[in-house]
Protein backbone atom coordinates (compact mmCIF):
# COMPACT_ATOMS: atom_id res chain seq x y z
CA MET A 1 -7.53 0.19 15.23
CA PHE A 2 -6.54 1.01 11.66
CA ILE A 3 -4.39 -1.48 9.75
CA ILE A 4 -2.74 0.17 6.75
CA PHE A 5 -1.15 -1.94 4.02
CA ASP A 6 0.84 -0.86 1.00
CA LEU A 7 0.18 -2.98 -2.11
CA ASP A 8 3.27 -3.46 -4.30
CA HIS A 9 6.05 -5.48 -2.63
CA THR A 10 3.92 -5.67 0.53
CA LEU A 11 0.83 -7.69 -0.45
CA ILE A 12 1.38 -8.07 -4.20
CA ASP A 13 4.47 -9.18 -6.09
CA SER A 14 4.40 -7.00 -9.20
CA SER A 15 8.18 -6.95 -9.56
CA ARG A 16 8.15 -8.67 -12.96
CA ARG A 17 6.40 -5.56 -14.34
CA GLN A 18 8.88 -3.12 -12.82
CA LEU A 19 12.20 -1.72 -14.02
CA THR A 20 14.44 0.80 -12.34
CA LYS A 21 16.53 3.43 -14.07
CA PRO A 22 20.29 3.64 -13.53
CA ASP A 23 19.68 6.29 -10.81
CA GLY A 24 17.48 3.82 -8.90
CA SER A 25 14.17 5.52 -9.67
CA LEU A 26 11.19 3.67 -11.08
CA ASP A 27 10.90 3.62 -14.87
CA LEU A 28 7.32 4.92 -15.00
CA GLU A 29 7.02 4.54 -18.77
CA HIS A 30 7.88 0.84 -18.52
CA TRP A 31 5.48 0.45 -15.58
CA ARG A 32 2.61 2.03 -17.52
CA GLU A 33 3.30 -0.14 -20.57
CA ASN A 34 3.07 -3.20 -18.33
CA CYS A 35 -0.24 -2.27 -16.69
CA THR A 36 -2.29 -4.37 -19.07
CA ARG A 37 -5.08 -6.57 -17.76
CA GLU A 38 -3.14 -9.74 -18.57
CA LYS A 39 0.00 -8.58 -16.78
CA ILE A 40 -1.78 -7.15 -13.73
CA MET A 41 -3.84 -10.32 -13.31
CA GLY A 42 -0.59 -12.31 -13.50
CA ASP A 43 0.81 -10.66 -10.37
CA THR A 44 1.09 -12.97 -7.37
CA LEU A 45 0.36 -12.52 -3.69
CA LEU A 46 2.97 -12.28 -0.97
CA PRO A 47 2.60 -13.91 2.48
CA LEU A 48 1.29 -10.70 4.07
CA ALA A 49 -1.82 -10.92 1.87
CA MET A 50 -3.04 -13.75 4.12
CA VAL A 51 -2.53 -11.53 7.15
CA ALA A 52 -4.46 -8.70 5.49
CA ARG A 53 -7.35 -11.06 4.74
CA ARG A 54 -7.49 -12.10 8.42
CA TYR A 55 -7.96 -8.48 9.45
CA MET A 56 -10.66 -7.87 6.84
CA GLY A 57 -14.14 -8.27 8.26
CA SER A 58 -12.84 -7.80 11.80
CA SER A 59 -13.47 -4.86 14.07
CA HIS A 60 -10.41 -3.16 12.57
CA THR A 61 -10.54 -0.76 9.62
CA VAL A 62 -8.27 -2.18 6.91
CA ILE A 63 -6.85 0.39 4.52
CA ALA A 64 -4.78 0.03 1.35
CA CYS A 65 -2.50 3.04 0.94
CA THR A 66 -0.61 2.79 -2.33
CA ALA A 67 1.51 4.99 -4.55
CA ARG A 68 -0.16 3.34 -7.57
CA VAL A 69 -2.62 5.21 -9.71
CA MET A 70 -5.37 2.60 -9.37
CA SER A 71 -7.21 1.43 -12.49
CA ASP A 72 -10.39 -0.62 -12.80
CA ILE A 73 -8.16 -3.63 -13.48
CA ASP A 74 -6.29 -3.07 -10.21
CA TYR A 75 -9.59 -3.06 -8.30
CA GLU A 76 -10.65 -6.18 -10.20
CA TYR A 77 -7.42 -7.85 -9.09
CA LEU A 78 -8.08 -6.98 -5.45
CA VAL A 79 -11.61 -8.42 -5.60
CA ALA A 80 -10.43 -11.56 -7.44
CA HIS A 81 -7.95 -12.20 -4.63
CA SER A 82 -10.35 -11.44 -1.76
CA LEU A 83 -8.50 -8.30 -0.76
CA ASN A 84 -11.63 -6.45 0.29
CA PHE A 85 -10.32 -3.30 1.92
CA ASP A 86 -12.57 -0.97 3.85
CA VAL A 87 -10.80 1.92 2.12
CA VAL A 88 -8.33 2.24 -0.77
CA LEU A 89 -6.18 5.38 -0.80
CA SER A 90 -4.18 5.84 -3.99
CA ARG A 91 -2.17 8.29 -6.02
CA PRO A 92 -4.28 10.74 -8.03
CA ALA A 93 -3.51 10.73 -11.75
CA GLY A 94 -0.84 13.29 -12.54
CA CYS A 95 0.47 13.49 -8.96
CA LEU A 96 4.27 13.38 -8.86
CA ASP A 97 4.77 13.61 -5.08
CA SER A 98 7.35 11.28 -3.59
CA ASP A 99 5.79 8.23 -1.96
CA HIS A 100 6.29 9.35 1.64
CA VAL A 101 4.79 12.80 0.99
CA LEU A 102 1.91 11.28 -0.98
CA LYS A 103 1.05 8.77 1.73
CA GLU A 104 1.12 11.39 4.47
CA THR A 105 -1.25 13.54 2.38
CA LEU A 106 -3.60 10.61 1.72
CA LEU A 107 -3.65 9.58 5.38
CA ARG A 108 -4.18 13.13 6.62
CA ARG A 109 -7.11 13.53 4.23
CA PHE A 110 -8.59 10.20 5.39
CA ALA A 111 -8.33 11.25 9.05
CA GLN A 112 -9.91 14.61 8.30
CA ASP A 113 -12.73 13.03 6.26
CA SER A 114 -13.29 10.56 9.11
CA ARG A 115 -13.36 13.43 11.63
CA ILE A 116 -10.46 11.96 13.60
CA SER A 117 -7.52 14.05 14.73
CA PHE A 118 -4.44 13.08 12.77
CA ASN A 119 -2.45 12.42 15.97
CA ARG A 120 -5.15 10.07 17.29
CA PHE A 121 -5.41 8.34 13.91
CA ALA A 122 -1.63 7.83 13.77
CA SER A 123 -1.44 6.48 17.32
CA ASP A 124 -4.30 4.06 16.61
CA SER A 125 -2.75 2.70 13.40
CA ILE A 126 -0.36 0.00 12.27
CA THR A 127 1.33 0.58 8.91
CA ILE A 128 3.00 -2.13 6.82
CA ASP A 129 5.06 -0.93 3.84
CA ASP A 130 8.18 -1.99 1.92
CA ASN A 131 9.54 1.55 1.42
CA ALA A 132 12.04 2.49 4.14
CA LYS A 133 11.55 6.22 3.58
CA VAL A 134 7.76 5.85 3.95
CA LEU A 135 8.20 3.84 7.15
CA GLU A 136 10.67 6.33 8.62
CA HIS A 137 8.45 9.28 7.74
CA LEU A 138 5.21 7.77 9.07
CA GLU A 139 6.93 6.57 12.24
CA MET A 140 8.10 10.16 12.81
CA LEU A 141 4.41 11.18 12.55
CA GLY A 142 3.38 8.69 15.27
CA PHE A 143 2.41 5.56 13.29
CA SER A 144 3.53 2.08 14.38
CA CYS A 145 5.39 0.84 11.32
CA TYR A 146 6.53 -2.58 10.13
CA ASP A 147 8.84 -3.47 7.26
CA ALA A 148 6.94 -5.64 4.78
CA VAL A 149 10.13 -7.00 3.22
CA GLN A 150 11.30 -8.48 6.51
CA LEU A 151 7.85 -9.80 7.37
CA ASN A 152 7.33 -11.39 3.96
CA ASP A 153 10.80 -12.94 4.09
CA ARG A 154 9.78 -14.64 7.36
CA GLY A 155 6.56 -15.81 5.71
CA TYR A 156 4.30 -14.30 8.35
CA ALA A 157 3.58 -11.01 10.00
CA ILE A 158 2.47 -9.10 13.06
């Protein structure tokens, strides 16, 4: 089984570093300005992080699939908080794909690189994300999907 976690607003509360524009989109310039070591290391964990840790080191493959462009500091944060994923899939620098398209692309590439049919990979996966459009899209592709916002609000998960 593959357990796929998003990072921001799923395992990590980085909301204090985030602003949205009047149209509801993410203010990427503000986000980038707030990706300093001090600010990243000040992010806190959400309840699902404990669930992710329980899966790590098990027979399951635990994957982070994030729309972040990951920096060395982001990886340092994961290690410092014992979020030792088997695989981290992240946005390539310069990629402007919407989150749901990006995550499908990343997951398809992972399945291909792992020599697993995408349909089999999807049916053998659980995905936890806070983005409704991502969840809807991946569910349409055959993934079992769970809303991280609801699970974190309850303080526990699947």
